[in-house]
Amino acid sequence: MAGLGCGGHSRLGMATGNDEAHAARVVSHALDLGLNFIDTARAYGTETAVGKAVAGRRDQVVISTKTSAGRGGDLLSPEALTASLEKSLARLSTDYVDVFHLHGVRPEQYDHCVELLVPEMQRQRDLGKLRFLGITEQFGGDTGHRMLQRALGDNLFDVVMVGFNLLNPSARERVFPDTLEHDVGTLIMFAVRRALSQPEALSTLVAGLVERGEVDARNLNREDPLQFIREHADVSGIVEAAYRFCRHESGADVILTGTGNPEHLTQNVAAIQAPPLPDELNVALRRLFGNVDSVSGN
C-alpha cells in the first residue's frame, strides 16, 4: 500500500519555500486519494501540518512519528523521549500516535536504545500514548542494515522503517525474512531518491558500483544504465518502475512517497498501485543490482 512520507527532500513542500497551509493541503489531498498512513517526525517540521489536515478525520488515518535517538555523542534520555512524544502529540492535535519510532538509529546507538529507551516506550504504550513501537535505520550510513538485523533478532519492535530500492535490494535477504517471520510491519523509504530521478546522478552512482565490483559492467549501458526499463513497453518511466519494484516485494508493507506537489503525489500513488513489473525486468534488475549493499540511491 502507499503511505504519505512527510520528510525527505520536500517535507510536503515546506523545504522548498511553501508554508504550513500548503503542506496541510498536500496531506488532505493524500487522504482524498485514499491514503490512510501518514509518516512524519519531529525533525521534519511537518507534524503541525499533519495535525491540521487530519482534524475531524483522525479515525481515518494511521499516524507514525519519531524522535531521534541522539545526535553526535549525546544520546536521548528516557525523560527526553517522553518530552518529545508529548510535543509530537501537541503538534499533531491528538492524544495518541499509532506508531512511535526511534529515528535514524545508528548501529552504535542501538544498545542505548534497548537498555534505556525501549522500556520508556513500553511504559508510554501502556499509558495509551502510543500503540506500536517502531525503529528506523539511518540508511545513508548503514546501507547493509546492520542495526535492523540486530533489532529484528531481539524482536522488540512492531514496525521498522527500512531503505529498499531497485539499486540496493539487500533488505530482500537481510531484513524481510525476519519481518515476515515475526509479523513486523515495514515502512519502505528511499524507494525513489536522487539517483532514480536524475540521470546524471544515476550514471555517477553506477560507475562507482562498477569500480567496486558490485555491478558487472558487461550487463549494462554505462551511459544509460536503466535504458532497458525506459524502453520497455509496459513501463512509463524509471520513477514508476521504482515504485512498482518496491510495492510488489514480499515483505514490503507500506511504500512511502513524499512530495509538495499534489499532482505529483497523484502520479506516485498511481505508480505504487500499478501491477508488478514484467518478469523480464525483475530478472534483469536482480542480475544487475542483486549484490549491491553499499548505496542508498540518494
C-alpha atoms as a PDB file:
ATOM      1  CA  MET A   1       0.000   0.000   0.000  1.00  0.00           C
ATOM      2  CA  ALA A   2       1.007   3.623  -0.372  1.00  0.00           C
ATOM      3  CA  GLY A   3       1.743   5.904   2.547  1.00  0.00           C
ATOM      4  CA  LEU A   4       2.484   9.619   2.660  1.00  0.00           C
ATOM      5  CA  GLY A   5       6.003  10.476   3.763  1.00  0.00           C
ATOM      6  CA  CYS A   6       6.230  13.957   5.249  1.00  0.00           C
ATOM      7  CA  GLY A   7      10.030  14.223   5.300  1.00  0.00           C
ATOM      8  CA  GLY A   8      12.632  13.689   2.603  1.00  0.00           C
ATOM      9  CA  HIS A   9      13.863  16.498   0.402  1.00  0.00           C
ATOM     10  CA  SER A  10      10.390  18.050   0.088  1.00  0.00           C
ATOM     11  CA  ARG A  11       8.819  17.924   3.547  1.00  0.00           C
ATOM     12  CA  LEU A  12       5.417  18.466   1.962  1.00  0.00           C
ATOM     13  CA  GLY A  13       6.827  21.433   0.079  1.00  0.00           C
ATOM     14  CA  MET A  14       7.990  23.300   3.180  1.00  0.00           C
ATOM     15  CA  ALA A  15      11.645  22.583   2.371  1.00  0.00           C
ATOM     16  CA  THR A  16      11.224  24.472  -0.910  1.00  0.00           C
ATOM     17  CA  GLY A  17       9.559  27.587   0.458  1.00  0.00           C
ATOM     18  CA  ASN A  18       5.891  26.653   0.804  1.00  0.00           C
ATOM     19  CA  ASP A  19       4.044  27.349   4.020  1.00  0.00           C
ATOM     20  CA  GLU A  20       2.306  25.131   6.531  1.00  0.00           C
ATOM     21  CA  ALA A  21      -1.109  25.678   4.934  1.00  0.00           C
ATOM     22  CA  HIS A  22       0.242  24.313   1.657  1.00  0.00           C
ATOM     23  CA  ALA A  23       1.684  21.290   3.469  1.00  0.00           C
ATOM     24  CA  ALA A  24      -1.675  20.630   5.130  1.00  0.00           C
ATOM     25  CA  ARG A  25      -3.362  20.723   1.715  1.00  0.00           C
ATOM     26  CA  VAL A  26      -0.951  18.069   0.447  1.00  0.00           C
ATOM     27  CA  VAL A  27      -1.868  15.849   3.393  1.00  0.00           C
ATOM     28  CA  SER A  28      -5.567  16.447   2.763  1.00  0.00           C
ATOM     29  CA  HIS A  29      -5.064  15.521  -0.876  1.00  0.00           C
ATOM     30  CA  ALA A  30      -3.410  12.277   0.215  1.00  0.00           C
ATOM     31  CA  LEU A  31      -6.426  11.455   2.379  1.00  0.00           C
ATOM     32  CA  ASP A  32      -8.745  12.235  -0.520  1.00  0.00           C
ATOM     33  CA  LEU A  33      -6.749   9.800  -2.670  1.00  0.00           C
ATOM     34  CA  GLY A  34      -7.465   7.092  -0.107  1.00  0.00           C
ATOM     35  CA  LEU A  35      -4.113   7.011   1.681  1.00  0.00           C
ATOM     36  CA  ASN A  36      -4.564   6.222   5.351  1.00  0.00           C
ATOM     37  CA  PHE A  37      -0.952   6.019   6.534  1.00  0.00           C
ATOM     38  CA  ILE A  38       0.864   9.275   7.323  1.00  0.00           C
ATOM     39  CA  ASP A  39       4.507   9.223   8.368  1.00  0.00           C
ATOM     40  CA  THR A  40       6.067  12.318   9.921  1.00  0.00           C
ATOM     41  CA  ALA A  41       8.670  13.173  12.570  1.00  0.00           C
ATOM     42  CA  ARG A  42       9.530  15.923  14.974  1.00  0.00           C
ATOM     43  CA  ALA A  43      12.678  16.626  12.938  1.00  0.00           C
ATOM     44  CA  TYR A  44      10.709  17.136   9.718  1.00  0.00           C
ATOM     45  CA  GLY A  45       8.790  20.132  10.984  1.00  0.00           C
ATOM     46  CA  THR A  46       5.570  18.821   9.443  1.00  0.00           C
ATOM     47  CA  GLU A  47       3.705  17.458  12.456  1.00  0.00           C
ATOM     48  CA  THR A  48       1.567  20.571  12.875  1.00  0.00           C
ATOM     49  CA  ALA A  49       0.553  20.498   9.211  1.00  0.00           C
ATOM     50  CA  VAL A  50      -0.442  16.853   9.580  1.00  0.00           C
ATOM     51  CA  GLY A  51      -2.461  17.664  12.689  1.00  0.00           C
ATOM     52  CA  LYS A  52      -4.372  20.401  10.865  1.00  0.00           C
ATOM     53  CA  ALA A  53      -5.092  18.156   7.892  1.00  0.00           C
ATOM     54  CA  VAL A  54      -6.399  15.199   9.892  1.00  0.00           C
ATOM     55  CA  ALA A  55      -8.599  17.283  12.190  1.00  0.00           C
ATOM     56  CA  GLY A  56     -12.027  15.674  12.058  1.00  0.00           C
ATOM     57  CA  ARG A  57     -10.558  12.662  10.215  1.00  0.00           C
ATOM     58  CA  ARG A  58      -8.291  11.228  12.913  1.00  0.00           C
ATOM     59  CA  ASP A  59     -10.132   7.916  12.948  1.00  0.00           C
ATOM     60  CA  GLN A  60      -9.407   7.508   9.211  1.00  0.00           C
ATOM     61  CA  VAL A  61      -5.623   7.552   9.485  1.00  0.00           C
ATOM     62  CA  VAL A  62      -2.672   5.759  10.991  1.00  0.00           C
ATOM     63  CA  ILE A  63      -0.136   8.329  12.185  1.00  0.00           C
ATOM     64  CA  SER A  64       3.531   7.468  12.528  1.00  0.00           C
ATOM     65  CA  THR A  65       6.019   9.887  14.067  1.00  0.00           C
ATOM     66  CA  LYS A  66       9.528   9.734  15.502  1.00  0.00           C
ATOM     67  CA  THR A  67      12.139  11.095  17.848  1.00  0.00           C
ATOM     68  CA  SER A  68      15.881  10.991  17.320  1.00  0.00           C
ATOM     69  CA  ALA A  69      17.863   8.546  19.472  1.00  0.00           C
ATOM     70  CA  GLY A  70      20.589  11.166  19.744  1.00  0.00           C
ATOM     71  CA  ARG A  71      22.920  13.404  17.809  1.00  0.00           C
ATOM     72  CA  GLY A  72      26.691  13.330  17.885  1.00  0.00           C
ATOM     73  CA  GLY A  73      27.802  11.949  21.210  1.00  0.00           C
ATOM     74  CA  ASP A  74      24.600  12.977  23.006  1.00  0.00           C
ATOM     75  CA  LEU A  75      22.118  10.157  23.460  1.00  0.00           C
ATOM     76  CA  LEU A  76      18.434  10.656  24.220  1.00  0.00           C
ATOM     77  CA  SER A  77      17.361  10.093  27.809  1.00  0.00           C
ATOM     78  CA  PRO A  78      14.076   8.388  28.733  1.00  0.00           C
ATOM     79  CA  GLU A  79      12.823  11.713  30.103  1.00  0.00           C
ATOM     80  CA  ALA A  80      13.686  13.496  26.855  1.00  0.00           C
ATOM     81  CA  LEU A  81      11.934  10.770  24.873  1.00  0.00           C
ATOM     82  CA  THR A  82       8.742  11.315  26.840  1.00  0.00           C
ATOM     83  CA  ALA A  83       9.012  15.086  26.409  1.00  0.00           C
ATOM     84  CA  SER A  84       9.467  14.638  22.665  1.00  0.00           C
ATOM     85  CA  LEU A  85       6.436  12.362  22.469  1.00  0.00           C
ATOM     86  CA  GLU A  86       4.317  14.906  24.338  1.00  0.00           C
ATOM     87  CA  LYS A  87       5.416  17.680  21.972  1.00  0.00           C
ATOM     88  CA  SER A  88       4.533  15.492  18.984  1.00  0.00           C
ATOM     89  CA  LEU A  89       1.092  14.781  20.409  1.00  0.00           C
ATOM     90  CA  ALA A  90       0.507  18.502  20.875  1.00  0.00           C
ATOM     91  CA  ARG A  91       1.617  19.364  17.345  1.00  0.00           C
ATOM     92  CA  LEU A  92      -0.467  16.561  15.873  1.00  0.00           C
ATOM     93  CA  SER A  93      -3.504  17.588  17.978  1.00  0.00           C
ATOM     94  CA  THR A  94      -4.084  14.026  19.093  1.00  0.00           C
ATOM     95  CA  ASP A  95      -3.852  12.146  22.370  1.00  0.00           C
ATOM     96  CA  TYR A  96      -2.053   9.142  20.878  1.00  0.00           C
ATOM     97  CA  VAL A  97       0.085   8.166  17.921  1.00  0.00           C
ATOM     98  CA  ASP A  98      -0.266   4.825  16.236  1.00  0.00           C
ATOM     99  CA  VAL A  99       3.467   4.229  15.739  1.00  0.00           C
ATOM    100  CA  PHE A 100       6.256   5.976  17.630  1.00  0.00           C
ATOM    101  CA  HIS A 101       9.757   5.382  16.275  1.00  0.00           C
ATOM    102  CA  LEU A 102      13.293   5.812  17.444  1.00  0.00           C
ATOM    103  CA  HIS A 103      14.542   7.741  14.434  1.00  0.00           C
ATOM    104  CA  GLY A 104      17.633   7.062  12.333  1.00  0.00           C
ATOM    105  CA  VAL A 105      19.272   4.746  14.843  1.00  0.00           C
ATOM    106  CA  ARG A 106      22.907   4.026  14.083  1.00  0.00           C
ATOM    107  CA  PRO A 107      24.434   0.648  14.994  1.00  0.00           C
ATOM    108  CA  GLU A 108      26.499   2.154  17.811  1.00  0.00           C
ATOM    109  CA  GLN A 109      23.358   3.712  19.358  1.00  0.00           C
ATOM    110  CA  TYR A 110      21.352   0.516  19.430  1.00  0.00           C
ATOM    111  CA  ASP A 111      22.396  -0.806  22.861  1.00  0.00           C
ATOM    112  CA  HIS A 112      21.429   2.501  24.469  1.00  0.00           C
ATOM    113  CA  CYS A 113      18.045   2.340  22.780  1.00  0.00           C
ATOM    114  CA  VAL A 114      17.341  -1.167  24.032  1.00  0.00           C
ATOM    115  CA  GLU A 115      18.558  -0.609  27.568  1.00  0.00           C
ATOM    116  CA  LEU A 116      17.011   2.799  28.309  1.00  0.00           C
ATOM    117  CA  LEU A 117      14.574   3.945  25.635  1.00  0.00           C
ATOM    118  CA  VAL A 118      12.557   0.850  24.789  1.00  0.00           C
ATOM    119  CA  PRO A 119      11.357   0.411  28.413  1.00  0.00           C
ATOM    120  CA  GLU A 120      10.125   4.020  28.363  1.00  0.00           C
ATOM    121  CA  MET A 121       8.380   3.472  25.032  1.00  0.00           C
ATOM    122  CA  GLN A 122       6.688   0.417  26.508  1.00  0.00           C
ATOM    123  CA  ARG A 123       5.587   2.479  29.509  1.00  0.00           C
ATOM    124  CA  GLN A 124       4.110   5.129  27.217  1.00  0.00           C
ATOM    125  CA  ARG A 125       2.355   2.401  25.248  1.00  0.00           C
ATOM    126  CA  ASP A 126       0.807   1.090  28.459  1.00  0.00           C
ATOM    127  CA  LEU A 127      -0.375   4.647  29.223  1.00  0.00           C
ATOM    128  CA  GLY A 128      -2.120   4.787  25.838  1.00  0.00           C
ATOM    129  CA  LYS A 129       0.122   7.483  24.351  1.00  0.00           C
ATOM    130  CA  LEU A 130       1.308   5.205  21.543  1.00  0.00           C
ATOM    131  CA  ARG A 131       0.081   1.949  20.098  1.00  0.00           C
ATOM    132  CA  PHE A 132       3.134   0.362  18.489  1.00  0.00           C
ATOM    133  CA  LEU A 133       6.898   0.625  18.926  1.00  0.00           C
ATOM    134  CA  GLY A 134       8.962   1.430  15.842  1.00  0.00           C
ATOM    135  CA  ILE A 135      12.585   1.919  14.871  1.00  0.00           C
ATOM    136  CA  THR A 136      14.082   3.410  11.712  1.00  0.00           C
ATOM    137  CA  GLU A 137      17.543   2.873  10.299  1.00  0.00           C
ATOM    138  CA  GLN A 138      19.993   5.551   9.186  1.00  0.00           C
ATOM    139  CA  PHE A 139      20.090   4.108   5.676  1.00  0.00           C
ATOM    140  CA  GLY A 140      22.586   6.557   4.225  1.00  0.00           C
ATOM    141  CA  GLY A 141      25.235   5.370   6.680  1.00  0.00           C
ATOM    142  CA  ASP A 142      24.004   1.826   7.203  1.00  0.00           C
ATOM    143  CA  THR A 143      23.185   0.624   3.708  1.00  0.00           C
ATOM    144  CA  GLY A 144      23.673  -3.009   4.696  1.00  0.00           C
ATOM    145  CA  HIS A 145      21.065  -2.861   7.524  1.00  0.00           C
ATOM    146  CA  ARG A 146      23.374  -3.809  10.418  1.00  0.00           C
ATOM    147  CA  MET A 147      21.235  -2.078  13.045  1.00  0.00           C
ATOM    148  CA  LEU A 148      17.959  -3.531  11.827  1.00  0.00           C
ATOM    149  CA  GLN A 149      19.374  -7.035  11.768  1.00  0.00           C
ATOM    150  CA  ARG A 150      20.086  -6.698  15.493  1.00  0.00           C
ATOM    151  CA  ALA A 151      16.708  -5.130  16.194  1.00  0.00           C
ATOM    152  CA  LEU A 152      14.840  -7.880  14.396  1.00  0.00           C
ATOM    153  CA  GLY A 153      16.839 -10.518  16.234  1.00  0.00           C
ATOM    154  CA  ASP A 154      15.740  -9.005  19.552  1.00  0.00           C
ATOM    155  CA  ASN A 155      12.099  -8.873  18.400  1.00  0.00           C
ATOM    156  CA  LEU A 156      11.292  -5.737  20.427  1.00  0.00           C
ATOM    157  CA  PHE A 157       9.674  -3.603  17.722  1.00  0.00           C
ATOM    158  CA  ASP A 158       6.318  -3.847  15.985  1.00  0.00           C
ATOM    159  CA  VAL A 159       7.306  -1.711  12.961  1.00  0.00           C
ATOM    160  CA  VAL A 160      10.599  -0.930  11.226  1.00  0.00           C
ATOM    161  CA  MET A 161      11.457   1.628   8.575  1.00  0.00           C
ATOM    162  CA  VAL A 162      13.935   0.245   6.053  1.00  0.00           C
ATOM    163  CA  GLY A 163      15.666   1.559   2.957  1.00  0.00           C
ATOM    164  CA  PHE A 164      14.888  -0.532  -0.119  1.00  0.00           C
ATOM    165  CA  ASN A 165      15.020   0.215  -3.823  1.00  0.00           C
ATOM    166  CA  LEU A 166      15.974  -1.347  -7.133  1.00  0.00           C
ATOM    167  CA  LEU A 167      19.578  -0.104  -6.778  1.00  0.00           C
ATOM    168  CA  ASN A 168      20.063  -1.627  -3.310  1.00  0.00           C
ATOM    169  CA  PRO A 169      17.686  -4.533  -2.709  1.00  0.00           C
ATOM    170  CA  SER A 170      19.753  -6.023   0.148  1.00  0.00           C
ATOM    171  CA  ALA A 171      16.771  -5.846   2.553  1.00  0.00           C
ATOM    172  CA  ARG A 172      15.320  -8.688   0.492  1.00  0.00           C
ATOM    173  CA  GLU A 173      17.765 -11.100   2.125  1.00  0.00           C
ATOM    174  CA  ARG A 174      18.743  -9.257   5.327  1.00  0.00           C
ATOM    175  CA  VAL A 175      15.508  -7.754   6.628  1.00  0.00           C
ATOM    176  CA  PHE A 176      12.319  -9.071   5.052  1.00  0.00           C
ATOM    177  CA  PRO A 177      12.721 -12.753   6.008  1.00  0.00           C
ATOM    178  CA  ASP A 178      12.776 -11.746   9.692  1.00  0.00           C
ATOM    179  CA  THR A 179       9.952  -9.215   9.431  1.00  0.00           C
ATOM    180  CA  LEU A 180       7.795 -11.812   7.742  1.00  0.00           C
ATOM    181  CA  GLU A 181       8.658 -14.480  10.289  1.00  0.00           C
ATOM    182  CA  HIS A 182       7.943 -12.227  13.286  1.00  0.00           C
ATOM    183  CA  ASP A 183       4.995 -10.316  11.769  1.00  0.00           C
ATOM    184  CA  VAL A 184       6.796  -6.965  11.940  1.00  0.00           C
ATOM    185  CA  GLY A 185       5.376  -4.197   9.759  1.00  0.00           C
ATOM    186  CA  THR A 186       7.699  -2.491   7.284  1.00  0.00           C
ATOM    187  CA  LEU A 187       7.732   1.093   6.056  1.00  0.00           C
ATOM    188  CA  ILE A 188       9.772   1.417   2.873  1.00  0.00           C
ATOM    189  CA  MET A 189      11.835   4.570   2.471  1.00  0.00           C
ATOM    190  CA  PHE A 190      14.200   5.544  -0.363  1.00  0.00           C
ATOM    191  CA  ALA A 191      12.015   3.831  -2.977  1.00  0.00           C
ATOM    192  CA  VAL A 192      12.887   6.822  -5.180  1.00  0.00           C
ATOM    193  CA  ARG A 193      15.761   9.148  -4.432  1.00  0.00           C
ATOM    194  CA  ARG A 194      18.057  11.380  -6.452  1.00  0.00           C
ATOM    195  CA  ALA A 195      19.777   8.614  -8.444  1.00  0.00           C
ATOM    196  CA  LEU A 196      16.439   7.343  -9.741  1.00  0.00           C
ATOM    197  CA  SER A 197      15.132  10.760 -10.731  1.00  0.00           C
ATOM    198  CA  GLN A 198      18.296  12.397 -12.115  1.00  0.00           C
ATOM    199  CA  PRO A 199      20.084  10.580 -14.971  1.00  0.00           C
ATOM    200  CA  GLU A 200      23.461  12.174 -14.282  1.00  0.00           C
ATOM    201  CA  ALA A 201      23.358  11.118 -10.629  1.00  0.00           C
ATOM    202  CA  LEU A 202      22.443   7.585 -11.669  1.00  0.00           C
ATOM    203  CA  SER A 203      25.369   7.326 -14.077  1.00  0.00           C
ATOM    204  CA  THR A 204      27.786   8.520 -11.396  1.00  0.00           C
ATOM    205  CA  LEU A 205      26.418   6.096  -8.821  1.00  0.00           C
ATOM    206  CA  VAL A 206      26.555   3.122 -11.186  1.00  0.00           C
ATOM    207  CA  ALA A 207      30.112   3.992 -12.203  1.00  0.00           C
ATOM    208  CA  GLY A 208      31.099   3.711  -8.559  1.00  0.00           C
ATOM    209  CA  LEU A 209      29.362   0.357  -8.226  1.00  0.00           C
ATOM    210  CA  VAL A 210      31.250  -0.931 -11.268  1.00  0.00           C
ATOM    211  CA  GLU A 211      34.558   0.261  -9.822  1.00  0.00           C
ATOM    212  CA  ARG A 212      33.859  -1.554  -6.542  1.00  0.00           C
ATOM    213  CA  GLY A 213      32.900  -4.734  -8.340  1.00  0.00           C
ATOM    214  CA  GLU A 214      29.297  -4.748  -7.121  1.00  0.00           C
ATOM    215  CA  VAL A 215      27.926  -4.414 -10.650  1.00  0.00           C
ATOM    216  CA  ASP A 216      29.224  -6.166 -13.766  1.00  0.00           C
ATOM    217  CA  ALA A 217      29.752  -3.551 -16.486  1.00  0.00           C
ATOM    218  CA  ARG A 218      29.148  -6.174 -19.154  1.00  0.00           C
ATOM    219  CA  ASN A 219      25.482  -6.259 -18.158  1.00  0.00           C
ATOM    220  CA  LEU A 220      24.666  -2.589 -18.693  1.00  0.00           C
ATOM    221  CA  ASN A 221      24.910   0.536 -20.768  1.00  0.00           C
ATOM    222  CA  ARG A 222      27.105   2.757 -18.597  1.00  0.00           C
ATOM    223  CA  GLU A 223      25.835   5.921 -20.300  1.00  0.00           C
ATOM    224  CA  ASP A 224      22.205   4.994 -19.649  1.00  0.00           C
ATOM    225  CA  PRO A 225      22.177   2.189 -17.035  1.00  0.00           C
ATOM    226  CA  LEU A 226      18.390   1.792 -16.900  1.00  0.00           C
ATOM    227  CA  GLN A 227      17.718   2.173 -20.599  1.00  0.00           C
ATOM    228  CA  PHE A 228      16.176  -1.287 -20.688  1.00  0.00           C
ATOM    229  CA  ILE A 229      13.477  -0.101 -18.265  1.00  0.00           C
ATOM    230  CA  ARG A 230      12.712   3.165 -20.036  1.00  0.00           C
ATOM    231  CA  GLU A 231      12.317   1.374 -23.362  1.00  0.00           C
ATOM    232  CA  HIS A 232      10.011  -1.351 -22.078  1.00  0.00           C
ATOM    233  CA  ALA A 233       6.505  -1.089 -23.468  1.00  0.00           C
ATOM    234  CA  ASP A 234       4.825  -1.814 -20.121  1.00  0.00           C
ATOM    235  CA  VAL A 235       6.630   0.881 -18.122  1.00  0.00           C
ATOM    236  CA  SER A 236       6.102   4.634 -18.380  1.00  0.00           C
ATOM    237  CA  GLY A 237       9.375   5.667 -16.743  1.00  0.00           C
ATOM    238  CA  ILE A 238      12.041   4.977 -14.148  1.00  0.00           C
ATOM    239  CA  VAL A 239      10.161   6.504 -11.223  1.00  0.00           C
ATOM    240  CA  GLU A 240       7.069   4.448 -11.928  1.00  0.00           C
ATOM    241  CA  ALA A 241       9.193   1.305 -12.259  1.00  0.00           C
ATOM    242  CA  ALA A 242      10.961   2.052  -8.982  1.00  0.00           C
ATOM    243  CA  TYR A 243       7.699   2.305  -7.066  1.00  0.00           C
ATOM    244  CA  ARG A 244       6.299  -0.834  -8.698  1.00  0.00           C
ATOM    245  CA  PHE A 245       9.511  -2.693  -7.868  1.00  0.00           C
ATOM    246  CA  CYS A 246       9.098  -1.918  -4.164  1.00  0.00           C
ATOM    247  CA  ARG A 247       5.339  -2.317  -3.917  1.00  0.00           C
ATOM    248  CA  HIS A 248       5.292  -5.924  -5.039  1.00  0.00           C
ATOM    249  CA  GLU A 249       8.263  -7.155  -2.999  1.00  0.00           C
ATOM    250  CA  SER A 250       7.328  -9.782  -0.429  1.00  0.00           C
ATOM    251  CA  GLY A 251       7.816  -8.170   2.968  1.00  0.00           C
ATOM    252  CA  ALA A 252       7.307  -4.572   1.817  1.00  0.00           C
ATOM    253  CA  ASP A 253       4.137  -3.327   3.514  1.00  0.00           C
ATOM    254  CA  VAL A 254       3.861   0.469   3.175  1.00  0.00           C
ATOM    255  CA  ILE A 255       5.686   2.267   0.367  1.00  0.00           C
ATOM    256  CA  LEU A 256       6.280   5.848   1.419  1.00  0.00           C
ATOM    257  CA  THR A 257       6.111   8.632  -1.132  1.00  0.00           C
ATOM    258  CA  GLY A 258       6.710  12.281  -0.348  1.00  0.00           C
ATOM    259  CA  THR A 259       6.229  15.463  -2.342  1.00  0.00           C
ATOM    260  CA  GLY A 260       4.993  19.010  -2.036  1.00  0.00           C
ATOM    261  CA  ASN A 261       3.047  18.788  -5.294  1.00  0.00           C
ATOM    262  CA  PRO A 262      -0.473  17.278  -5.200  1.00  0.00           C
ATOM    263  CA  GLU A 263      -0.357  16.302  -8.878  1.00  0.00           C
ATOM    264  CA  HIS A 264       2.989  14.604  -8.352  1.00  0.00           C
ATOM    265  CA  LEU A 265       1.534  12.762  -5.375  1.00  0.00           C
ATOM    266  CA  THR A 266      -1.354  11.513  -7.506  1.00  0.00           C
ATOM    267  CA  GLN A 267       1.122  10.151 -10.068  1.00  0.00           C
ATOM    268  CA  ASN A 268       3.248   8.464  -7.413  1.00  0.00           C
ATOM    269  CA  VAL A 269       0.266   6.796  -5.774  1.00  0.00           C
ATOM    270  CA  ALA A 270      -0.886   5.515  -9.165  1.00  0.00           C
ATOM    271  CA  ALA A 271       2.577   4.033  -9.723  1.00  0.00           C
ATOM    272  CA  ILE A 272       2.526   2.281  -6.335  1.00  0.00           C
ATOM    273  CA  GLN A 273      -0.904   0.872  -7.118  1.00  0.00           C
ATOM    274  CA  ALA A 274       0.135  -0.343 -10.589  1.00  0.00           C
ATOM    275  CA  PRO A 275       0.741  -4.040 -11.371  1.00  0.00           C
ATOM    276  CA  PRO A 276       4.097  -5.765 -10.751  1.00  0.00           C
ATOM    277  CA  LEU A 277       6.940  -5.162 -13.159  1.00  0.00           C
ATOM    278  CA  PRO A 278       7.217  -7.655 -16.010  1.00  0.00           C
ATOM    279  CA  ASP A 279       9.208 -10.741 -15.047  1.00  0.00           C
ATOM    280  CA  GLU A 280      11.990  -9.991 -17.510  1.00  0.00           C
ATOM    281  CA  LEU A 281      12.640  -6.631 -15.849  1.00  0.00           C
ATOM    282  CA  ASN A 282      12.802  -8.155 -12.387  1.00  0.00           C
ATOM    283  CA  VAL A 283      15.238 -10.775 -13.670  1.00  0.00           C
ATOM    284  CA  ALA A 284      17.411  -8.110 -15.270  1.00  0.00           C
ATOM    285  CA  LEU A 285      17.392  -5.962 -12.133  1.00  0.00           C
ATOM    286  CA  ARG A 286      18.349  -8.887  -9.930  1.00  0.00           C
ATOM    287  CA  ARG A 287      21.219  -9.720 -12.279  1.00  0.00           C
ATOM    288  CA  LEU A 288      22.441  -6.120 -12.280  1.00  0.00           C
ATOM    289  CA  PHE A 289      21.940  -4.942  -8.706  1.00  0.00           C
ATOM    290  CA  GLY A 290      21.190  -8.080  -6.706  1.00  0.00           C
ATOM    291  CA  ASN A 291      24.528  -7.949  -4.862  1.00  0.00           C
ATOM    292  CA  VAL A 292      24.563  -4.212  -4.107  1.00  0.00           C
ATOM    293  CA  ASP A 293      24.542  -3.097  -0.475  1.00  0.00           C
ATOM    294  CA  SER A 294      26.778  -0.020  -0.457  1.00  0.00           C
ATOM    295  CA  VAL A 295      24.490   2.773  -1.743  1.00  0.00           C
ATOM    296  CA  SER A 296      21.203   4.305  -0.701  1.00  0.00           C
ATOM    297  CA  GLY A 297      20.288   5.833  -4.061  1.00  0.00           C
ATOM    298  CA  ASN A 298      20.434   9.330  -2.642  1.00  0.00           C
END
